[in-house]
Amino acid sequence: MDIKATVAAMARLGLTVNVQSTGRPDYIRGFVKDGTVSLGRITFFEGKYSHVKWYLGDYGQICDFDKIAYGWAYLLSTGKTLTDDRWKQLLAEAEKLSDEDYQRKVDWRRQNPTPINREGKQRSRGKLQRDTTRKFLRQLLLTT
């Protein structure tokens, strides 16, 4: 994607891109904004889209920003915009899959006790990761 196409694609998501030169002739950057809030930085190499660096990471609780980040990935992979209804549907399905995954892990731990250590006590296990919603969101977006 060239610079104009990338700016137009971001506009489809309701975002603006302020394009600036970097001092190096091969690189141009664009700052992604939603109103006055800066959300990320796009890098263009030789006039073509290279990557986007979102300022909020891909971790923690799902928030409003994630619809933008996952919407951008969905737009790049399918060429379609992620509607509010589709986002809510994907989020509900990912949360359901995350809960099922957690329950499967808990059941497996109940059925498979840890081995005994040298002192005759059971070994301890690490804490289970409860929220894997982001993992399932990525899977659902790539398969649809």
N, C-alpha and C. Protein backbone atom coordinates (compact mmCIF):
# COMPACT_ATOMS: atom_id res chain seq x y z
N MET A 1 0.84 -1.17 0.00
CA MET A 1 0.00 0.00 0.00
C MET A 1 0.89 1.24 0.00
N ASP A 2 0.55 2.19 -0.84
CA ASP A 2 1.31 3.43 -0.81
C ASP A 2 0.75 4.35 0.27
N ILE A 3 1.32 5.54 0.38
CA ILE A 3 0.96 6.45 1.48
C ILE A 3 -0.50 6.89 1.37
N LYS A 4 -0.94 7.28 0.17
CA LYS A 4 -2.32 7.75 0.00
C LYS A 4 -3.32 6.65 0.32
N ALA A 5 -3.05 5.43 -0.12
CA ALA A 5 -3.96 4.32 0.15
C ALA A 5 -4.02 4.01 1.64
N THR A 6 -2.89 4.10 2.32
CA THR A 6 -2.85 3.84 3.75
C THR A 6 -3.63 4.90 4.52
N VAL A 7 -3.45 6.16 4.14
CA VAL A 7 -4.19 7.25 4.79
C VAL A 7 -5.69 7.07 4.56
N ALA A 8 -6.07 6.67 3.34
CA ALA A 8 -7.49 6.44 3.03
C ALA A 8 -8.04 5.26 3.83
N ALA A 9 -7.23 4.21 3.99
CA ALA A 9 -7.67 3.04 4.77
C ALA A 9 -7.86 3.42 6.24
N MET A 10 -6.97 4.23 6.78
CA MET A 10 -7.13 4.69 8.17
C MET A 10 -8.37 5.57 8.30
N ALA A 11 -8.66 6.35 7.27
CA ALA A 11 -9.86 7.19 7.29
C ALA A 11 -11.12 6.32 7.33
N ARG A 12 -11.07 5.14 6.72
CA ARG A 12 -12.22 4.22 6.78
C ARG A 12 -12.48 3.79 8.22
N LEU A 13 -11.43 3.78 9.04
CA LEU A 13 -11.58 3.43 10.46
C LEU A 13 -11.90 4.65 11.32
N GLY A 14 -12.00 5.82 10.69
CA GLY A 14 -12.30 7.04 11.44
C GLY A 14 -11.08 7.69 12.05
N LEU A 15 -9.90 7.37 11.55
CA LEU A 15 -8.66 7.90 12.09
C LEU A 15 -7.98 8.82 11.08
N THR A 16 -7.16 9.73 11.57
CA THR A 16 -6.39 10.60 10.69
C THR A 16 -4.92 10.24 10.81
N VAL A 17 -4.18 10.50 9.75
CA VAL A 17 -2.74 10.24 9.73
C VAL A 17 -2.03 11.52 9.34
N ASN A 18 -1.16 12.01 10.21
CA ASN A 18 -0.33 13.18 9.91
C ASN A 18 1.01 12.67 9.40
N VAL A 19 1.26 12.84 8.10
CA VAL A 19 2.46 12.32 7.47
C VAL A 19 3.59 13.34 7.60
N GLN A 20 4.78 12.84 7.99
CA GLN A 20 5.95 13.71 8.17
C GLN A 20 7.19 13.00 7.65
N SER A 21 8.16 13.79 7.19
CA SER A 21 9.43 13.20 6.77
C SER A 21 10.28 12.93 8.02
N THR A 22 11.25 12.04 7.87
CA THR A 22 12.07 11.64 9.01
C THR A 22 13.49 12.16 8.96
N GLY A 23 13.90 12.73 7.85
CA GLY A 23 15.29 13.13 7.70
C GLY A 23 16.08 12.11 6.89
N ARG A 24 15.55 10.92 6.76
CA ARG A 24 16.15 9.91 5.89
C ARG A 24 15.26 9.80 4.67
N PRO A 25 15.83 9.81 3.48
CA PRO A 25 15.00 9.85 2.27
C PRO A 25 14.13 8.61 2.06
N ASP A 26 14.55 7.46 2.58
CA ASP A 26 13.78 6.23 2.37
C ASP A 26 12.59 6.10 3.31
N TYR A 27 12.65 6.76 4.45
CA TYR A 27 11.63 6.58 5.48
C TYR A 27 10.74 7.80 5.61
N ILE A 28 9.45 7.55 5.74
CA ILE A 28 8.45 8.57 6.05
C ILE A 28 7.61 7.97 7.16
N ARG A 29 7.15 8.81 8.08
CA ARG A 29 6.31 8.29 9.15
C ARG A 29 5.00 9.06 9.17
N GLY A 30 4.00 8.41 9.69
CA GLY A 30 2.70 9.03 9.86
C GLY A 30 2.20 8.76 11.25
N PHE A 31 1.70 9.78 11.90
CA PHE A 31 1.19 9.63 13.26
C PHE A 31 -0.32 9.44 13.19
N VAL A 32 -0.80 8.33 13.75
CA VAL A 32 -2.22 7.98 13.71
C VAL A 32 -2.91 8.64 14.89
N LYS A 33 -3.98 9.38 14.58
CA LYS A 33 -4.70 10.09 15.65
C LYS A 33 -6.19 9.83 15.54
N ASP A 34 -6.81 9.82 16.69
CA ASP A 34 -8.26 9.78 16.80
C ASP A 34 -8.65 11.07 17.51
N GLY A 35 -9.01 12.07 16.74
CA GLY A 35 -9.24 13.39 17.31
C GLY A 35 -7.91 13.99 17.71
N THR A 36 -7.72 14.22 19.00
CA THR A 36 -6.46 14.77 19.49
C THR A 36 -5.58 13.72 20.16
N VAL A 37 -6.06 12.50 20.25
CA VAL A 37 -5.32 11.43 20.91
C VAL A 37 -4.44 10.70 19.90
N SER A 38 -3.16 10.63 20.18
CA SER A 38 -2.22 9.93 19.31
C SER A 38 -2.24 8.45 19.66
N LEU A 39 -2.55 7.60 18.67
CA LEU A 39 -2.71 6.17 18.92
C LEU A 39 -1.51 5.33 18.47
N GLY A 40 -0.77 5.82 17.48
CA GLY A 40 0.34 5.02 16.98
C GLY A 40 1.13 5.74 15.91
N ARG A 41 2.08 5.00 15.36
CA ARG A 41 2.96 5.56 14.34
C ARG A 41 3.09 4.56 13.20
N ILE A 42 2.87 5.03 11.97
CA ILE A 42 3.02 4.20 10.78
C ILE A 42 4.37 4.52 10.15
N THR A 43 5.07 3.50 9.72
CA THR A 43 6.33 3.70 9.02
C THR A 43 6.16 3.29 7.57
N PHE A 44 6.60 4.18 6.68
CA PHE A 44 6.60 3.91 5.24
C PHE A 44 8.05 3.80 4.80
N PHE A 45 8.37 2.78 4.04
CA PHE A 45 9.72 2.61 3.51
C PHE A 45 9.63 2.69 2.00
N GLU A 46 10.36 3.62 1.43
CA GLU A 46 10.37 3.87 -0.02
C GLU A 46 8.95 4.09 -0.54
N GLY A 47 8.14 4.82 0.23
CA GLY A 47 6.80 5.18 -0.19
C GLY A 47 5.74 4.11 -0.01
N LYS A 48 6.09 2.96 0.55
CA LYS A 48 5.15 1.86 0.76
C LYS A 48 4.96 1.62 2.25
N TYR A 49 3.77 1.17 2.62
CA TYR A 49 3.46 0.84 4.02
C TYR A 49 4.41 -0.25 4.50
N SER A 50 5.02 -0.03 5.65
CA SER A 50 5.90 -1.03 6.24
C SER A 50 5.24 -1.68 7.46
N HIS A 51 4.91 -0.87 8.47
CA HIS A 51 4.29 -1.41 9.67
C HIS A 51 3.70 -0.27 10.50
N VAL A 52 2.91 -0.66 11.49
CA VAL A 52 2.35 0.32 12.42
C VAL A 52 2.79 -0.07 13.83
N LYS A 53 3.14 0.91 14.61
CA LYS A 53 3.51 0.71 16.02
C LYS A 53 2.41 1.35 16.85
N TRP A 54 1.57 0.54 17.46
CA TRP A 54 0.51 1.07 18.31
C TRP A 54 1.12 1.41 19.66
N TYR A 55 0.74 2.56 20.21
CA TYR A 55 1.30 2.99 21.48
C TYR A 55 0.77 2.18 22.65
N LEU A 56 -0.45 1.68 22.54
CA LEU A 56 -0.97 0.77 23.56
C LEU A 56 -0.66 -0.64 23.11
N GLY A 57 -0.11 -1.45 23.97
CA GLY A 57 0.32 -2.78 23.59
C GLY A 57 -0.83 -3.76 23.43
N ASP A 58 -0.48 -4.96 23.02
CA ASP A 58 -1.44 -6.03 22.80
C ASP A 58 -1.47 -6.93 24.04
N TYR A 59 -1.86 -6.37 25.17
CA TYR A 59 -1.91 -7.12 26.42
C TYR A 59 -2.92 -6.48 27.35
N GLY A 60 -3.22 -7.14 28.44
CA GLY A 60 -4.17 -6.61 29.41
C GLY A 60 -5.61 -6.82 29.00
N GLN A 61 -6.49 -6.12 29.69
CA GLN A 61 -7.93 -6.22 29.41
C GLN A 61 -8.24 -5.64 28.03
N ILE A 62 -9.26 -6.19 27.39
CA ILE A 62 -9.71 -5.67 26.10
C ILE A 62 -10.36 -4.31 26.35
N CYS A 63 -10.00 -3.31 25.55
CA CYS A 63 -10.56 -1.97 25.72
C CYS A 63 -11.01 -1.43 24.37
N ASP A 64 -11.51 -0.20 24.34
CA ASP A 64 -12.02 0.40 23.11
C ASP A 64 -10.93 0.50 22.04
N PHE A 65 -9.70 0.75 22.45
CA PHE A 65 -8.61 0.88 21.49
C PHE A 65 -8.41 -0.40 20.70
N ASP A 66 -8.66 -1.54 21.30
CA ASP A 66 -8.41 -2.81 20.64
C ASP A 66 -9.26 -2.98 19.39
N LYS A 67 -10.43 -2.38 19.37
CA LYS A 67 -11.26 -2.45 18.16
C LYS A 67 -10.53 -1.79 17.00
N ILE A 68 -9.80 -0.72 17.27
CA ILE A 68 -9.05 -0.03 16.22
C ILE A 68 -7.87 -0.89 15.76
N ALA A 69 -7.10 -1.40 16.70
CA ALA A 69 -5.92 -2.19 16.36
C ALA A 69 -6.30 -3.48 15.62
N TYR A 70 -7.29 -4.20 16.15
CA TYR A 70 -7.73 -5.42 15.48
C TYR A 70 -8.47 -5.09 14.18
N GLY A 71 -9.16 -3.96 14.16
CA GLY A 71 -9.82 -3.51 12.93
C GLY A 71 -8.83 -3.23 11.82
N TRP A 72 -7.68 -2.66 12.18
CA TRP A 72 -6.63 -2.40 11.19
C TRP A 72 -6.06 -3.71 10.65
N ALA A 73 -5.81 -4.68 11.53
CA ALA A 73 -5.30 -5.98 11.09
C ALA A 73 -6.32 -6.68 10.19
N TYR A 74 -7.60 -6.56 10.54
CA TYR A 74 -8.67 -7.16 9.75
C TYR A 74 -8.76 -6.49 8.38
N LEU A 75 -8.61 -5.18 8.34
CA LEU A 75 -8.65 -4.44 7.08
C LEU A 75 -7.49 -4.84 6.19
N LEU A 76 -6.31 -5.00 6.75
CA LEU A 76 -5.15 -5.40 5.96
C LEU A 76 -5.29 -6.82 5.42
N SER A 77 -5.84 -7.73 6.22
CA SER A 77 -5.91 -9.12 5.79
C SER A 77 -7.09 -9.41 4.86
N THR A 78 -8.21 -8.71 5.05
CA THR A 78 -9.39 -9.03 4.24
C THR A 78 -9.84 -7.90 3.32
N GLY A 79 -9.40 -6.68 3.58
CA GLY A 79 -9.86 -5.54 2.80
C GLY A 79 -11.22 -5.02 3.24
N LYS A 80 -11.76 -5.57 4.33
CA LYS A 80 -13.06 -5.16 4.84
C LYS A 80 -12.89 -4.42 6.17
N THR A 81 -13.83 -3.54 6.46
CA THR A 81 -13.79 -2.86 7.75
C THR A 81 -14.52 -3.70 8.79
N LEU A 82 -14.09 -3.58 10.01
CA LEU A 82 -14.67 -4.33 11.12
C LEU A 82 -15.81 -3.50 11.71
N THR A 83 -17.04 -3.96 11.51
CA THR A 83 -18.20 -3.23 12.01
C THR A 83 -18.37 -3.45 13.50
N ASP A 84 -19.16 -2.59 14.13
CA ASP A 84 -19.42 -2.72 15.57
C ASP A 84 -20.10 -4.05 15.89
N ASP A 85 -21.06 -4.44 15.05
CA ASP A 85 -21.76 -5.71 15.29
C ASP A 85 -20.81 -6.90 15.17
N ARG A 86 -19.97 -6.87 14.14
CA ARG A 86 -19.01 -7.96 13.94
C ARG A 86 -18.01 -8.01 15.09
N TRP A 87 -17.57 -6.83 15.58
CA TRP A 87 -16.63 -6.76 16.71
C TRP A 87 -17.25 -7.37 17.96
N LYS A 88 -18.50 -7.00 18.25
CA LYS A 88 -19.18 -7.55 19.43
C LYS A 88 -19.34 -9.06 19.32
N GLN A 89 -19.67 -9.53 18.12
CA GLN A 89 -19.83 -10.97 17.89
C GLN A 89 -18.49 -11.70 18.09
N LEU A 90 -17.42 -11.16 17.50
CA LEU A 90 -16.10 -11.77 17.65
C LEU A 90 -15.63 -11.76 19.10
N LEU A 91 -15.88 -10.65 19.79
CA LEU A 91 -15.46 -10.53 21.18
C LEU A 91 -16.19 -11.54 22.07
N ALA A 92 -17.50 -11.68 21.86
CA ALA A 92 -18.27 -12.65 22.65
C ALA A 92 -17.80 -14.08 22.38
N GLU A 93 -17.53 -14.38 21.11
CA GLU A 93 -17.07 -15.72 20.76
C GLU A 93 -15.68 -15.99 21.34
N ALA A 94 -14.80 -14.99 21.30
CA ALA A 94 -13.44 -15.15 21.85
C ALA A 94 -13.49 -15.33 23.36
N GLU A 95 -14.36 -14.59 24.05
CA GLU A 95 -14.48 -14.75 25.50
C GLU A 95 -15.01 -16.13 25.85
N LYS A 96 -15.95 -16.63 25.06
CA LYS A 96 -16.49 -17.97 25.29
C LYS A 96 -15.39 -19.02 25.10
N LEU A 97 -14.61 -18.89 24.02
CA LEU A 97 -13.52 -19.83 23.77
C LEU A 97 -12.46 -19.74 24.86
N SER A 98 -12.20 -18.54 25.36
CA SER A 98 -11.23 -18.35 26.44
C SER A 98 -11.69 -19.05 27.72
N ASP A 99 -12.96 -18.91 28.05
CA ASP A 99 -13.51 -19.58 29.23
C ASP A 99 -13.45 -21.10 29.10
N GLU A 100 -13.78 -21.61 27.90
CA GLU A 100 -13.72 -23.05 27.66
C GLU A 100 -12.28 -23.55 27.76
N ASP A 101 -11.34 -22.77 27.24
CA ASP A 101 -9.93 -23.14 27.30
C ASP A 101 -9.45 -23.20 28.74
N TYR A 102 -9.83 -22.22 29.54
CA TYR A 102 -9.44 -22.19 30.96
C TYR A 102 -10.03 -23.40 31.69
N GLN A 103 -11.29 -23.69 31.44
CA GLN A 103 -11.94 -24.82 32.10
C GLN A 103 -11.28 -26.14 31.71
N ARG A 104 -10.89 -26.26 30.43
CA ARG A 104 -10.20 -27.46 29.97
C ARG A 104 -8.87 -27.64 30.71
N LYS A 105 -8.14 -26.54 30.90
CA LYS A 105 -6.86 -26.61 31.62
C LYS A 105 -7.07 -26.97 33.10
N VAL A 106 -8.10 -26.41 33.72
CA VAL A 106 -8.39 -26.73 35.12
C VAL A 106 -8.75 -28.21 35.26
N ASP A 107 -9.59 -28.71 34.36
CA ASP A 107 -9.97 -30.12 34.40
C ASP A 107 -8.76 -31.03 34.21
N TRP A 108 -7.87 -30.67 33.29
CA TRP A 108 -6.68 -31.47 33.06
C TRP A 108 -5.81 -31.51 34.31
N ARG A 109 -5.68 -30.40 34.99
CA ARG A 109 -4.88 -30.36 36.22
C ARG A 109 -5.49 -31.22 37.32
N ARG A 110 -6.81 -31.26 37.39
CA ARG A 110 -7.47 -32.10 38.39
C ARG A 110 -7.21 -33.57 38.12
N GLN A 111 -7.22 -33.95 36.86
CA GLN A 111 -7.05 -35.36 36.49
C GLN A 111 -5.59 -35.80 36.50
N ASN A 112 -4.67 -34.86 36.41
CA ASN A 112 -3.24 -35.18 36.34
C ASN A 112 -2.49 -34.47 37.45
N PRO A 113 -2.37 -35.12 38.60
CA PRO A 113 -1.66 -34.47 39.71
C PRO A 113 -0.17 -34.32 39.39
N THR A 114 0.45 -33.41 40.07
CA THR A 114 1.88 -33.18 39.86
C THR A 114 2.68 -34.33 40.47
N PRO A 115 3.88 -34.56 39.95
CA PRO A 115 4.71 -35.63 40.51
C PRO A 115 5.22 -35.26 41.91
N ILE A 116 5.69 -36.25 42.60
CA ILE A 116 6.24 -36.08 43.95
C ILE A 116 7.72 -35.69 43.84
N ASN A 117 8.13 -34.71 44.63
CA ASN A 117 9.54 -34.31 44.62
C ASN A 117 10.35 -35.18 45.58
N ARG A 118 11.63 -34.86 45.75
CA ARG A 118 12.52 -35.68 46.60
C ARG A 118 12.12 -35.68 48.06
N GLU A 119 11.41 -34.64 48.47
CA GLU A 119 11.00 -34.55 49.88
C GLU A 119 9.69 -35.25 50.15
N GLY A 120 9.12 -35.87 49.13
CA GLY A 120 7.87 -36.58 49.31
C GLY A 120 6.64 -35.71 49.19
N LYS A 121 6.80 -34.48 48.74
CA LYS A 121 5.67 -33.56 48.57
C LYS A 121 5.41 -33.37 47.08
N GLN A 122 4.16 -33.01 46.79
CA GLN A 122 3.84 -32.73 45.39
C GLN A 122 4.48 -31.42 44.95
N ARG A 123 4.96 -31.42 43.73
CA ARG A 123 5.55 -30.21 43.17
C ARG A 123 4.45 -29.18 42.95
N SER A 124 4.86 -27.93 42.98
CA SER A 124 3.88 -26.87 42.72
C SER A 124 3.85 -26.55 41.23
N ARG A 125 2.74 -26.06 40.79
CA ARG A 125 2.57 -25.67 39.40
C ARG A 125 2.46 -24.16 39.31
N GLY A 126 2.78 -23.64 38.16
CA GLY A 126 2.61 -22.21 37.92
C GLY A 126 1.14 -21.86 37.80
N LYS A 127 0.86 -20.59 37.97
CA LYS A 127 -0.51 -20.11 37.89
C LYS A 127 -1.01 -20.19 36.45
N LEU A 128 -2.26 -20.61 36.30
CA LEU A 128 -2.86 -20.67 34.98
C LEU A 128 -3.18 -19.27 34.47
N GLN A 129 -2.96 -19.08 33.18
CA GLN A 129 -3.35 -17.81 32.57
C GLN A 129 -4.85 -17.84 32.34
N ARG A 130 -5.55 -16.93 32.98
CA ARG A 130 -7.01 -16.94 32.94
C ARG A 130 -7.55 -16.39 31.62
N ASP A 131 -7.10 -15.20 31.25
CA ASP A 131 -7.71 -14.52 30.12
C ASP A 131 -6.87 -14.71 28.86
N THR A 132 -7.35 -15.55 27.97
CA THR A 132 -6.69 -15.76 26.69
C THR A 132 -7.55 -15.23 25.55
N THR A 133 -8.36 -14.22 25.85
CA THR A 133 -9.29 -13.67 24.86
C THR A 133 -8.55 -13.12 23.65
N ARG A 134 -7.43 -12.45 23.86
CA ARG A 134 -6.68 -11.86 22.75
C ARG A 134 -6.19 -12.93 21.78
N LYS A 135 -5.75 -14.06 22.31
CA LYS A 135 -5.28 -15.15 21.46
C LYS A 135 -6.40 -15.63 20.55
N PHE A 136 -7.58 -15.80 21.12
CA PHE A 136 -8.70 -16.28 20.32
C PHE A 136 -9.24 -15.21 19.38
N LEU A 137 -9.15 -13.94 19.77
CA LEU A 137 -9.53 -12.86 18.85
C LEU A 137 -8.66 -12.89 17.60
N ARG A 138 -7.35 -13.04 17.80
CA ARG A 138 -6.44 -13.10 16.65
C ARG A 138 -6.77 -14.29 15.76
N GLN A 139 -7.04 -15.45 16.37
CA GLN A 139 -7.38 -16.63 15.59
C GLN A 139 -8.67 -16.43 14.81
N LEU A 140 -9.69 -15.87 15.45
CA LEU A 140 -10.97 -15.67 14.78
C LEU A 140 -10.86 -14.66 13.65
N LEU A 141 -10.08 -13.61 13.85
CA LEU A 141 -9.93 -12.60 12.80
C LEU A 141 -9.18 -13.16 11.59
N LEU A 142 -8.22 -14.03 11.82
CA LEU A 142 -7.45 -14.57 10.71
C LEU A 142 -8.21 -15.64 9.95
N THR A 143 -9.18 -16.29 10.58
CA THR A 143 -9.91 -17.37 9.91
C THR A 143 -11.21 -16.91 9.29
N THR A 144 -11.61 -15.65 9.53
CA THR A 144 -12.88 -15.19 8.94
C THR A 144 -12.65 -14.29 7.76
